[in-house]
PDB file of N, CA and C in Angstrom:
ATOM      1  N   MET A   1     103.442 -52.241  -2.056  1.00  0.00           N
ATOM      2  CA  MET A   1     102.863 -50.970  -0.842  1.00  0.00           C
ATOM      3  C   MET A   1     102.607 -49.583  -1.388  1.00  0.00           C
ATOM      4  N   PRO A   2     102.489 -49.217  -1.311  1.00  0.00           N
ATOM      5  CA  PRO A   2     101.920 -47.712  -1.982  1.00  0.00           C
ATOM      6  C   PRO A   2     103.224 -46.909  -1.120  1.00  0.00           C
ATOM      7  N   HIS A   3     104.023 -46.107  -1.538  1.00  0.00           N
ATOM      8  CA  HIS A   3     104.875 -45.183  -0.902  1.00  0.00           C
ATOM      9  C   HIS A   3     104.803 -44.035  -0.413  1.00  0.00           C
ATOM     10  N   ASN A   4     104.051 -43.539  -1.720  1.00  0.00           N
ATOM     11  CA  ASN A   4     103.374 -41.792  -1.610  1.00  0.00           C
ATOM     12  C   ASN A   4     101.898 -41.666  -0.512  1.00  0.00           C
ATOM     13  N   ALA A   5     101.848 -40.359   0.005  1.00  0.00           N
ATOM     14  CA  ALA A   5     100.770 -40.568   1.016  1.00  0.00           C
ATOM     15  C   ALA A   5      99.639 -40.397   0.117  1.00  0.00           C
ATOM     16  N   LYS A   6      99.562 -40.301  -0.902  1.00  0.00           N
ATOM     17  CA  LYS A   6      98.820 -39.747  -2.095  1.00  0.00           C
ATOM     18  C   LYS A   6      98.198 -41.322  -2.223  1.00  0.00           C
ATOM     19  N   ASP A   7      98.820 -42.077  -2.445  1.00  0.00           N
ATOM     20  CA  ASP A   7      98.503 -43.933  -3.104  1.00  0.00           C
ATOM     21  C   ASP A   7      98.461 -44.539  -1.924  1.00  0.00           C
ATOM     22  N   LYS A   8      98.625 -44.142  -1.051  1.00  0.00           N
ATOM     23  CA  LYS A   8      98.290 -45.019   0.143  1.00  0.00           C
ATOM     24  C   LYS A   8      96.926 -44.704   0.960  1.00  0.00           C
ATOM     25  N   HIS A   9      95.893 -43.043   0.714  1.00  0.00           N
ATOM     26  CA  HIS A   9      95.286 -43.007   1.284  1.00  0.00           C
ATOM     27  C   HIS A   9      94.483 -43.467  -0.209  1.00  0.00           C
ATOM     28  N   ARG A  10      94.572 -43.670  -0.741  1.00  0.00           N
ATOM     29  CA  ARG A  10      93.732 -44.188  -2.395  1.00  0.00           C
ATOM     30  C   ARG A  10      93.608 -45.820  -2.390  1.00  0.00           C
ATOM     31  N   ALA A  11      94.802 -46.693  -1.584  1.00  0.00           N
ATOM     32  CA  ALA A  11      94.815 -47.868  -1.059  1.00  0.00           C
ATOM     33  C   ALA A  11      93.837 -48.130   0.006  1.00  0.00           C
ATOM     34  N   ILE A  12      94.077 -47.118   0.847  1.00  0.00           N
ATOM     35  CA  ILE A  12      93.297 -47.642   1.832  1.00  0.00           C
ATOM     36  C   ILE A  12      91.566 -47.392   1.966  1.00  0.00           C
ATOM     37  N   THR A  13      91.793 -46.049   1.268  1.00  0.00           N
ATOM     38  CA  THR A  13      90.022 -45.642   0.399  1.00  0.00           C
ATOM     39  C   THR A  13      89.260 -47.120   0.335  1.00  0.00           C
ATOM     40  N   ARG A  14      89.974 -47.641  -0.931  1.00  0.00           N
ATOM     41  CA  ARG A  14      89.644 -49.282  -1.886  1.00  0.00           C
ATOM     42  C   ARG A  14      89.176 -49.936  -0.782  1.00  0.00           C
ATOM     43  N   LEU A  15      90.660 -50.276   0.202  1.00  0.00           N
ATOM     44  CA  LEU A  15      90.256 -51.154   1.427  1.00  0.00           C
ATOM     45  C   LEU A  15      88.915 -51.494   2.007  1.00  0.00           C
ATOM     46  N   ARG A  16      88.797 -50.441   2.466  1.00  0.00           N
ATOM     47  CA  ARG A  16      87.491 -49.578   3.353  1.00  0.00           C
ATOM     48  C   ARG A  16      86.294 -49.867   2.376  1.00  0.00           C
ATOM     49  N   ARG A  17      86.117 -49.393   1.271  1.00  0.00           N
ATOM     50  CA  ARG A  17      85.092 -49.678   0.730  1.00  0.00           C
ATOM     51  C   ARG A  17      84.433 -51.312   0.578  1.00  0.00           C
ATOM     52  N   ILE A  18      85.863 -52.086   0.104  1.00  0.00           N
ATOM     53  CA  ILE A  18      85.626 -53.250   0.276  1.00  0.00           C
ATOM     54  C   ILE A  18      85.157 -53.782   1.641  1.00  0.00           C
ATOM     55  N   LYS A  19      85.939 -53.482   2.657  1.00  0.00           N
ATOM     56  CA  LYS A  19      85.316 -54.380   3.863  1.00  0.00           C
ATOM     57  C   LYS A  19      84.121 -53.862   4.039  1.00  0.00           C
ATOM     58  N   GLY A  20      83.884 -52.827   3.679  1.00  0.00           N
ATOM     59  CA  GLY A  20      82.073 -52.344   3.468  1.00  0.00           C
ATOM     60  C   GLY A  20      81.324 -53.497   2.413  1.00  0.00           C
ATOM     61  N   GLN A  21      81.628 -53.621   1.396  1.00  0.00           N
ATOM     62  CA  GLN A  21      81.261 -54.585   0.955  1.00  0.00           C
ATOM     63  C   GLN A  21      80.794 -56.259   1.143  1.00  0.00           C
ATOM     64  N   ALA A  22      81.980 -56.429   1.965  1.00  0.00           N
ATOM     65  CA  ALA A  22      82.155 -57.581   2.554  1.00  0.00           C
ATOM     66  C   ALA A  22      80.841 -57.832   3.687  1.00  0.00           C
ATOM     67  N   GLU A  23      80.916 -56.632   4.987  1.00  0.00           N
ATOM     68  CA  GLU A  23      80.361 -56.579   5.945  1.00  0.00           C
ATOM     69  C   GLU A  23      78.856 -56.610   5.324  1.00  0.00           C
ATOM     70  N   ALA A  24      78.578 -55.642   4.428  1.00  0.00           N
ATOM     71  CA  ALA A  24      77.014 -55.699   4.129  1.00  0.00           C
ATOM     72  C   ALA A  24      76.551 -57.080   3.270  1.00  0.00           C
ATOM     73  N   LEU A  25      77.696 -58.031   2.380  1.00  0.00           N
ATOM     74  CA  LEU A  25      77.192 -59.355   1.950  1.00  0.00           C
ATOM     75  C   LEU A  25      77.259 -59.985   3.181  1.00  0.00           C
ATOM     76  N   GLU A  26      78.049 -60.125   4.331  1.00  0.00           N
ATOM     77  CA  GLU A  26      77.951 -61.028   5.783  1.00  0.00           C
ATOM     78  C   GLU A  26      76.198 -60.926   6.015  1.00  0.00           C
ATOM     79  N   ARG A  27      75.681 -59.511   6.169  1.00  0.00           N
ATOM     80  CA  ARG A  27      74.290 -59.177   6.705  1.00  0.00           C
ATOM     81  C   ARG A  27      73.344 -59.785   5.816  1.00  0.00           C
ATOM     82  N   ALA A  28      73.894 -59.607   4.430  1.00  0.00           N
ATOM     83  CA  ALA A  28      72.908 -60.394   3.929  1.00  0.00           C
ATOM     84  C   ALA A  28      72.347 -61.786   3.646  1.00  0.00           C
ATOM     85  N   VAL A  29      74.252 -62.508   3.503  1.00  0.00           N
ATOM     86  CA  VAL A  29      73.814 -63.824   3.991  1.00  0.00           C
ATOM     87  C   VAL A  29      73.109 -64.719   5.115  1.00  0.00           C
ATOM     88  N   GLU A  30      73.500 -63.680   6.406  1.00  0.00           N
ATOM     89  CA  GLU A  30      72.607 -63.977   7.068  1.00  0.00           C
ATOM     90  C   GLU A  30      71.102 -63.823   7.715  1.00  0.00           C
ATOM     91  N   ALA A  31      70.761 -62.825   6.688  1.00  0.00           N
ATOM     92  CA  ALA A  31      69.203 -62.667   6.575  1.00  0.00           C
ATOM     93  C   ALA A  31      68.598 -63.365   5.729  1.00  0.00           C
ATOM     94  N   GLY A  32      69.276 -63.723   4.944  1.00  0.00           N
ATOM     95  CA  GLY A  32      68.736 -64.973   4.035  1.00  0.00           C
ATOM     96  C   GLY A  32      68.061 -64.175   2.485  1.00  0.00           C
ATOM     97  N   SER A  33      69.046 -63.218   2.421  1.00  0.00           N
ATOM     98  CA  SER A  33      68.468 -62.464   0.822  1.00  0.00           C
ATOM     99  C   SER A  33      68.611 -63.915  -0.307  1.00  0.00           C
ATOM    100  N   ASP A  34      68.097 -62.898  -1.056  1.00  0.00           N
ATOM    101  CA  ASP A  34      67.983 -63.752  -2.166  1.00  0.00           C
ATOM    102  C   ASP A  34      69.592 -63.398  -3.268  1.00  0.00           C
ATOM    103  N   CYS A  35      69.731 -64.600  -3.834  1.00  0.00           N
ATOM    104  CA  CYS A  35      71.078 -65.157  -4.557  1.00  0.00           C
ATOM    105  C   CYS A  35      71.354 -63.904  -5.506  1.00  0.00           C
ATOM    106  N   ALA A  36      70.460 -63.344  -6.325  1.00  0.00           N
ATOM    107  CA  ALA A  36      70.690 -62.369  -7.496  1.00  0.00           C
ATOM    108  C   ALA A  36      71.603 -61.376  -6.838  1.00  0.00           C
ATOM    109  N   PRO A  37      70.870 -60.630  -5.705  1.00  0.00           N
ATOM    110  CA  PRO A  37      71.654 -59.219  -5.096  1.00  0.00           C
ATOM    111  C   PRO A  37      72.744 -59.195  -4.779  1.00  0.00           C
ATOM    112  N   ILE A  38      73.144 -60.844  -3.491  1.00  0.00           N
ATOM    113  CA  ILE A  38      74.496 -61.344  -3.047  1.00  0.00           C
ATOM    114  C   ILE A  38      75.121 -61.080  -3.822  1.00  0.00           C
ATOM    115  N   LEU A  39      74.938 -62.511  -5.097  1.00  0.00           N
ATOM    116  CA  LEU A  39      76.131 -62.371  -6.516  1.00  0.00           C
ATOM    117  C   LEU A  39      76.254 -60.924  -6.862  1.00  0.00           C
ATOM    118  N   GLN A  40      75.482 -60.335  -7.374  1.00  0.00           N
ATOM    119  CA  GLN A  40      75.607 -58.996  -7.628  1.00  0.00           C
ATOM    120  C   GLN A  40      77.047 -58.253  -6.800  1.00  0.00           C
ATOM    121  N   GLN A  41      76.658 -58.256  -5.625  1.00  0.00           N
ATOM    122  CA  GLN A  41      77.388 -57.343  -4.615  1.00  0.00           C
ATOM    123  C   GLN A  41      78.814 -58.643  -4.529  1.00  0.00           C
ATOM    124  N   LEU A  42      78.883 -59.769  -4.735  1.00  0.00           N
ATOM    125  CA  LEU A  42      80.422 -60.561  -5.024  1.00  0.00           C
ATOM    126  C   LEU A  42      81.138 -59.826  -6.329  1.00  0.00           C
ATOM    127  N   ALA A  43      80.206 -59.822  -7.329  1.00  0.00           N
ATOM    128  CA  ALA A  43      80.924 -59.370  -8.051  1.00  0.00           C
ATOM    129  C   ALA A  43      81.303 -58.176  -8.053  1.00  0.00           C
ATOM    130  N   ALA A  44      80.648 -56.825  -7.732  1.00  0.00           N
ATOM    131  CA  ALA A  44      81.118 -56.004  -7.057  1.00  0.00           C
ATOM    132  C   ALA A  44      82.494 -55.324  -6.466  1.00  0.00           C
ATOM    133  N   MET A  45      82.582 -56.597  -5.675  1.00  0.00           N
ATOM    134  CA  MET A  45      83.779 -56.852  -4.619  1.00  0.00           C
ATOM    135  C   MET A  45      84.923 -57.716  -5.360  1.00  0.00           C
ATOM    136  N   ARG A  46      84.881 -58.410  -6.161  1.00  0.00           N
ATOM    137  CA  ARG A  46      85.436 -59.090  -6.955  1.00  0.00           C
ATOM    138  C   ARG A  46      86.410 -57.541  -7.849  1.00  0.00           C
ATOM    139  N   GLY A  47      85.536 -57.221  -8.448  1.00  0.00           N
ATOM    140  CA  GLY A  47      85.808 -55.669  -9.308  1.00  0.00           C
ATOM    141  C   GLY A  47      87.069 -54.797  -8.083  1.00  0.00           C
ATOM    142  N   ALA A  48      86.122 -54.550  -7.158  1.00  0.00           N
ATOM    143  CA  ALA A  48      86.925 -53.449  -6.371  1.00  0.00           C
ATOM    144  C   ALA A  48      88.586 -54.400  -5.979  1.00  0.00           C
ATOM    145  N   VAL A  49      88.338 -55.159  -5.511  1.00  0.00           N
ATOM    146  CA  VAL A  49      90.076 -56.367  -5.131  1.00  0.00           C
ATOM    147  C   VAL A  49      90.636 -56.293  -6.532  1.00  0.00           C
ATOM    148  N   HIS A  50      89.836 -56.764  -7.975  1.00  0.00           N
ATOM    149  CA  HIS A  50      90.668 -56.652  -8.704  1.00  0.00           C
ATOM    150  C   HIS A  50      91.563 -55.077  -9.186  1.00  0.00           C
ATOM    151  N   GLY A  51      90.631 -54.281  -9.203  1.00  0.00           N
ATOM    152  CA  GLY A  51      91.384 -52.914  -9.640  1.00  0.00           C
ATOM    153  C   GLY A  51      92.191 -52.699  -8.145  1.00  0.00           C
ATOM    154  N   LEU A  52      92.486 -52.501  -6.862  1.00  0.00           N
ATOM    155  CA  LEU A  52      93.076 -52.566  -6.512  1.00  0.00           C
ATOM    156  C   LEU A  52      94.580 -53.121  -6.586  1.00  0.00           C
ATOM    157  N   MET A  53      94.579 -54.508  -6.906  1.00  0.00           N
ATOM    158  CA  MET A  53      95.416 -55.429  -7.065  1.00  0.00           C
ATOM    159  C   MET A  53      96.241 -54.678  -8.132  1.00  0.00           C
ATOM    160  N   ALA A  54      95.613 -54.411  -9.245  1.00  0.00           N
ATOM    161  CA  ALA A  54      95.872 -53.560 -10.042  1.00  0.00           C
ATOM    162  C   ALA A  54      96.729 -52.091  -9.957  1.00  0.00           C
ATOM    163  N   ASP A  55      96.034 -51.613  -9.538  1.00  0.00           N
ATOM    164  CA  ASP A  55      97.019 -50.361  -8.682  1.00  0.00           C
ATOM    165  C   ASP A  55      98.351 -50.677  -7.871  1.00  0.00           C
ATOM    166  N   LEU A  56      98.664 -51.864  -7.085  1.00  0.00           N
ATOM    167  CA  LEU A  56      99.348 -51.589  -6.597  1.00  0.00           C
ATOM    168  C   LEU A  56     100.153 -52.675  -7.456  1.00  0.00           C
ATOM    169  N   LEU A  57     100.224 -53.276  -8.353  1.00  0.00           N
ATOM    170  CA  LEU A  57     100.804 -53.975  -9.016  1.00  0.00           C
ATOM    171  C   LEU A  57     102.015 -52.704  -9.934  1.00  0.00           C
ATOM    172  N   ASP A  58     100.604 -52.210 -10.033  1.00  0.00           N
ATOM    173  CA  ASP A  58     101.398 -51.094 -11.386  1.00  0.00           C
ATOM    174  C   ASP A  58     102.597 -50.143 -10.528  1.00  0.00           C
ATOM    175  N   GLY A  59     102.229 -49.822  -9.513  1.00  0.00           N
ATOM    176  CA  GLY A  59     102.859 -49.092  -8.348  1.00  0.00           C
ATOM    177  C   GLY A  59     104.146 -49.729  -8.201  1.00  0.00           C
ATOM    178  N   HIS A  60     104.056 -51.238  -7.765  1.00  0.00           N
ATOM    179  CA  HIS A  60     105.070 -51.443  -7.378  1.00  0.00           C
ATOM    180  C   HIS A  60     105.991 -52.051  -8.530  1.00  0.00           C
ATOM    181  N   MET A  61     105.698 -52.113  -9.905  1.00  0.00           N
ATOM    182  CA  MET A  61     106.513 -52.480 -11.397  1.00  0.00           C
ATOM    183  C   MET A  61     107.267 -51.475 -11.319  1.00  0.00           C
ATOM    184  N   ARG A  62     106.439 -50.049 -11.474  1.00  0.00           N
ATOM    185  CA  ARG A  62     106.953 -49.045 -11.757  1.00  0.00           C
ATOM    186  C   ARG A  62     108.365 -48.562 -10.314  1.00  0.00           C
ATOM    187  N   GLU A  63     108.073 -48.749  -9.250  1.00  0.00           N
ATOM    188  CA  GLU A  63     109.262 -48.652  -8.382  1.00  0.00           C
ATOM    189  C   GLU A  63     110.128 -49.203  -8.869  1.00  0.00           C
ATOM    190  N   THR A  64     109.764 -50.520  -9.064  1.00  0.00           N
ATOM    191  CA  THR A  64     110.906 -51.849  -9.150  1.00  0.00           C
ATOM    192  C   THR A  64     112.111 -51.565 -10.075  1.00  0.00           C
ATOM    193  N   MET A  65     111.596 -50.884 -11.287  1.00  0.00           N
ATOM    194  CA  MET A  65     111.959 -50.872 -12.581  1.00  0.00           C
ATOM    195  C   MET A  65     112.586 -49.567 -12.472  1.00  0.00           C
ATOM    196  N   ALA A  66     112.461 -48.160 -11.518  1.00  0.00           N
ATOM    197  CA  ALA A  66     112.832 -46.945 -11.791  1.00  0.00           C
ATOM    198  C   ALA A  66     113.942 -47.031 -10.909  1.00  0.00           C
ATOM    199  N   ARG A  67     114.140 -48.408 -10.181  1.00  0.00           N
ATOM    200  CA  ARG A  67     115.318 -48.161  -9.082  1.00  0.00           C
ATOM    201  C   ARG A  67     116.681 -48.849  -9.633  1.00  0.00           C
ATOM    202  N   GLN A  68     116.850 -48.802 -10.892  1.00  0.00           N
ATOM    203  CA  GLN A  68     118.317 -49.321 -11.683  1.00  0.00           C
ATOM    204  C   GLN A  68     117.648 -49.481 -13.086  1.00  0.00           C
ATOM    205  N   PRO A  69     119.203 -48.526 -13.812  1.00  0.00           N
ATOM    206  CA  PRO A  69     118.710 -49.069 -15.249  1.00  0.00           C
ATOM    207  C   PRO A  69     118.656 -49.757 -15.894  1.00  0.00           C
ATOM    208  N   ALA A  70     117.919 -51.224 -15.221  1.00  0.00           N
ATOM    209  CA  ALA A  70     118.142 -52.203 -15.637  1.00  0.00           C
ATOM    210  C   ALA A  70     117.571 -53.503 -15.254  1.00  0.00           C
ATOM    211  N   PRO A  71     117.013 -53.917 -14.818  1.00  0.00           N
ATOM    212  CA  PRO A  71     115.805 -55.106 -14.088  1.00  0.00           C
ATOM    213  C   PRO A  71     116.723 -55.871 -13.983  1.00  0.00           C
ATOM    214  N   SER A  72     117.485 -56.650 -12.277  1.00  0.00           N
ATOM    215  CA  SER A  72     117.779 -57.744 -12.465  1.00  0.00           C
ATOM    216  C   SER A  72     117.016 -59.433 -13.161  1.00  0.00           C
ATOM    217  N   GLN A  73     117.485 -60.142 -13.267  1.00  0.00           N
ATOM    218  CA  GLN A  73     116.674 -61.554 -13.494  1.00  0.00           C
ATOM    219  C   GLN A  73     115.680 -61.928 -12.481  1.00  0.00           C
ATOM    220  N   ALA A  74     116.076 -61.253 -10.740  1.00  0.00           N
ATOM    221  CA  ALA A  74     115.097 -61.702  -9.588  1.00  0.00           C
ATOM    222  C   ALA A  74     113.887 -60.732  -9.736  1.00  0.00           C
ATOM    223  N   ASP A  75     114.232 -59.521 -10.177  1.00  0.00           N
ATOM    224  CA  ASP A  75     113.251 -58.513 -10.205  1.00  0.00           C
ATOM    225  C   ASP A  75     112.308 -59.040 -11.141  1.00  0.00           C
ATOM    226  N   ILE A  76     113.037 -59.513 -12.879  1.00  0.00           N
ATOM    227  CA  ILE A  76     112.035 -60.141 -13.938  1.00  0.00           C
ATOM    228  C   ILE A  76     111.181 -61.019 -13.052  1.00  0.00           C
ATOM    229  N   ASP A  77     111.322 -62.226 -12.370  1.00  0.00           N
ATOM    230  CA  ASP A  77     110.929 -63.273 -11.585  1.00  0.00           C
ATOM    231  C   ASP A  77     110.534 -62.951 -10.784  1.00  0.00           C
ATOM    232  N   GLU A  78     110.776 -61.977  -9.656  1.00  0.00           N
ATOM    233  CA  GLU A  78     109.231 -61.550  -9.465  1.00  0.00           C
ATOM    234  C   GLU A  78     107.811 -60.501  -9.787  1.00  0.00           C
ATOM    235  N   MET A  79     108.364 -59.993 -10.866  1.00  0.00           N
ATOM    236  CA  MET A  79     107.174 -59.320 -11.558  1.00  0.00           C
ATOM    237  C   MET A  79     106.192 -60.464 -12.040  1.00  0.00           C
ATOM    238  N   LEU A  80     107.023 -61.383 -12.726  1.00  0.00           N
ATOM    239  CA  LEU A  80     105.858 -62.635 -13.057  1.00  0.00           C
ATOM    240  C   LEU A  80     105.338 -63.134 -12.277  1.00  0.00           C
ATOM    241  N   SER A  81     106.400 -63.651 -11.459  1.00  0.00           N
ATOM    242  CA  SER A  81     105.079 -64.211 -10.409  1.00  0.00           C
ATOM    243  C   SER A  81     104.042 -63.446  -9.874  1.00  0.00           C
ATOM    244  N   LEU A  82     104.390 -62.973  -9.447  1.00  0.00           N
ATOM    245  CA  LEU A  82     102.884 -61.685  -8.945  1.00  0.00           C
ATOM    246  C   LEU A  82     101.947 -61.611 -10.276  1.00  0.00           C
ATOM    247  N   LEU A  83     102.616 -61.466 -11.689  1.00  0.00           N
ATOM    248  CA  LEU A  83     101.594 -60.995 -12.585  1.00  0.00           C
ATOM    249  C   LEU A  83     100.604 -62.681 -12.587  1.00  0.00           C
ATOM    250  N   ARG A  84     101.175 -63.744 -12.615  1.00  0.00           N
ATOM    251  CA  ARG A  84     100.760 -64.676 -12.758  1.00  0.00           C
ATOM    252  C   ARG A  84      99.077 -64.784 -11.719  1.00  0.00           C
ATOM    253  N   SER A  85     100.211 -64.470 -10.539  1.00  0.00           N
ATOM    254  CA  SER A  85      99.278 -64.642  -9.382  1.00  0.00           C
ATOM    255  C   SER A  85      97.926 -63.961  -9.584  1.00  0.00           C
ATOM    256  N   TYR A  86      98.234 -62.361  -9.750  1.00  0.00           N
ATOM    257  CA  TYR A  86      96.877 -61.598 -10.261  1.00  0.00           C
ATOM    258  C   TYR A  86      95.930 -61.850 -11.474  1.00  0.00           C
ATOM    259  N   LEU A  87      96.675 -62.819 -12.417  1.00  0.00           N
ATOM    260  CA  LEU A  87      95.717 -63.569 -13.552  1.00  0.00           C
ATOM    261  C   LEU A  87      94.709 -64.702 -13.015  1.00  0.00           C
ATOM    262  N   LYS A  88      95.071 -64.722 -12.067  1.00  0.00           N
ATOM    263  CA  LYS A  88      94.612 -66.401 -11.418  1.00  0.00           C
ATOM    264  C   LYS A  88      92.781 -66.183 -11.686  1.00  0.00           C
TER     265      LYS A  88
END
């Protein structure tokens, strides 16, 4: 979760863009559009989601690691779990 106003605004902007892409994709499917543009839109959405995930993960890692002089094993395990889910 972004904690400063600038990062929060950037995350919300990205989420709104993704929401708009999903709504456009739904309309295209309902209208029976060709597969190629739908697949292209899906790829764009995937890129937007991955970019948002990378930004949030970056911020979370920086905040967690900055809290203490040395990360605990629980912090390390949490980071590894987040990285694994991101890389799926």
